[in-house]
Amino acid sequence: MGSVEGAGVRVARDEEAGTTTYLVAVPWQRIAPLSPRDPAFSLTLTVNKNDGLQRENNYRSLGLDGWQTWGDGLNNWKLGRYQQVQLTG
């Protein structure tokens, strides 16, 4: 865990639209075996809210106010619910 050498992150918040965009750039050699010739994989992503309040350990008790997910495989343990990702660059 920790930072990835050569990686970069940009975050842009649009208050009017109520959206946040995250752009993550990671060198190909750091994410092997993915490569420009074979850049596809499956992903599910869950982000937990941390506003300093203590919550129960059971993430299901948090409701939508506590966490958001893209692809539902991690939260439901179903590989078929992961989203397909195609890397570029």
Protein backbone atom coordinates (compact mmCIF):
# COMPACT_ATOMS: atom_id res chain seq x y z
CA MET A 1 0.00 0.00 0.00
CA GLY A 2 1.03 3.58 -0.44
CA SER A 3 1.97 5.77 -3.35
CA VAL A 4 2.88 4.34 -6.76
CA GLU A 5 6.08 5.69 -8.28
CA GLY A 6 5.36 7.59 -11.49
CA ALA A 7 1.59 7.75 -10.90
CA GLY A 8 -0.47 10.92 -10.84
CA VAL A 9 -3.94 11.90 -9.69
CA ARG A 10 -6.08 14.91 -10.61
CA VAL A 11 -9.40 15.74 -8.97
CA ALA A 12 -11.90 18.22 -10.40
CA ARG A 13 -15.05 19.25 -8.56
CA ASP A 14 -18.00 20.83 -10.43
CA GLU A 15 -20.22 22.31 -7.72
CA GLU A 16 -22.91 23.39 -10.19
CA ALA A 17 -23.30 19.87 -11.59
CA GLY A 18 -22.63 18.23 -8.22
CA THR A 19 -19.96 15.94 -9.68
CA THR A 20 -16.38 15.06 -8.88
CA THR A 21 -14.08 13.65 -11.58
CA TYR A 22 -10.95 11.66 -10.72
CA LEU A 23 -8.20 11.11 -13.30
CA VAL A 24 -5.57 8.53 -12.34
CA ALA A 25 -2.47 7.93 -14.46
CA VAL A 26 -0.28 4.90 -13.72
CA PRO A 27 2.73 3.80 -15.81
CA TRP A 28 2.08 0.57 -17.72
CA GLN A 29 5.06 -1.19 -16.11
CA ARG A 30 3.46 -0.65 -12.67
CA ILE A 31 0.24 -2.50 -13.62
CA ALA A 32 1.67 -5.54 -15.40
CA PRO A 33 0.42 -7.90 -16.77
CA LEU A 34 -1.86 -5.24 -18.31
CA SER A 35 -0.29 -3.62 -21.35
CA PRO A 36 -1.25 -1.46 -24.35
CA ARG A 37 -1.73 -4.74 -26.29
CA ASP A 38 -4.08 -6.19 -23.60
CA PRO A 39 -5.57 -3.23 -21.68
CA ALA A 40 -8.93 -4.69 -20.53
CA PHE A 41 -9.90 -5.90 -17.08
CA SER A 42 -12.85 -6.01 -14.67
CA LEU A 43 -13.20 -3.64 -11.73
CA THR A 44 -15.52 -2.78 -8.91
CA LEU A 45 -14.84 0.27 -6.78
CA THR A 46 -16.31 1.23 -3.42
CA VAL A 47 -15.65 4.52 -1.67
CA ASN A 48 -16.47 4.90 2.01
CA LYS A 49 -17.48 8.20 3.54
CA ASN A 50 -15.18 9.36 6.33
CA ASP A 51 -16.64 12.39 8.04
CA GLY A 52 -15.16 11.52 11.42
CA LEU A 53 -18.31 9.83 12.75
CA GLN A 54 -18.03 6.35 14.22
CA ARG A 55 -20.13 3.71 12.44
CA GLU A 56 -20.70 0.02 12.94
CA ASN A 57 -18.23 -2.34 11.26
CA ASN A 58 -20.99 -3.72 9.03
CA TYR A 59 -20.84 -1.60 5.83
CA ARG A 60 -24.41 -2.58 4.92
CA SER A 61 -25.64 -0.62 7.93
CA LEU A 62 -24.21 2.59 6.43
CA GLY A 63 -26.80 3.05 3.69
CA LEU A 64 -26.13 5.23 0.65
CA ASP A 65 -25.01 8.10 2.86
CA GLY A 66 -21.98 6.05 3.98
CA TRP A 67 -20.64 4.49 0.80
CA GLN A 68 -20.94 4.59 -2.99
CA THR A 69 -19.98 1.92 -5.48
CA TRP A 70 -19.27 1.55 -9.19
CA GLY A 71 -19.83 -2.05 -10.17
CA ASP A 72 -21.51 -4.11 -7.53
CA GLY A 73 -19.31 -7.22 -7.43
CA LEU A 74 -17.33 -6.38 -4.31
CA ASN A 75 -20.36 -5.60 -2.19
CA ASN A 76 -22.31 -8.67 -3.31
CA TRP A 77 -19.43 -11.09 -3.98
CA LYS A 78 -20.56 -11.65 -7.59
CA LEU A 79 -17.87 -11.52 -10.27
CA GLY A 80 -20.46 -10.97 -13.01
CA ARG A 81 -21.32 -7.57 -11.54
CA TYR A 82 -17.84 -6.11 -12.00
CA GLN A 83 -17.57 -3.37 -14.65
CA GLN A 84 -15.40 -3.80 -17.73
CA VAL A 85 -12.53 -1.29 -18.00
CA GLN A 86 -10.51 -0.47 -21.11
CA LEU A 87 -7.29 1.44 -20.40
CA THR A 88 -5.95 4.01 -22.86
CA GLY A 89 -2.74 5.90 -23.31
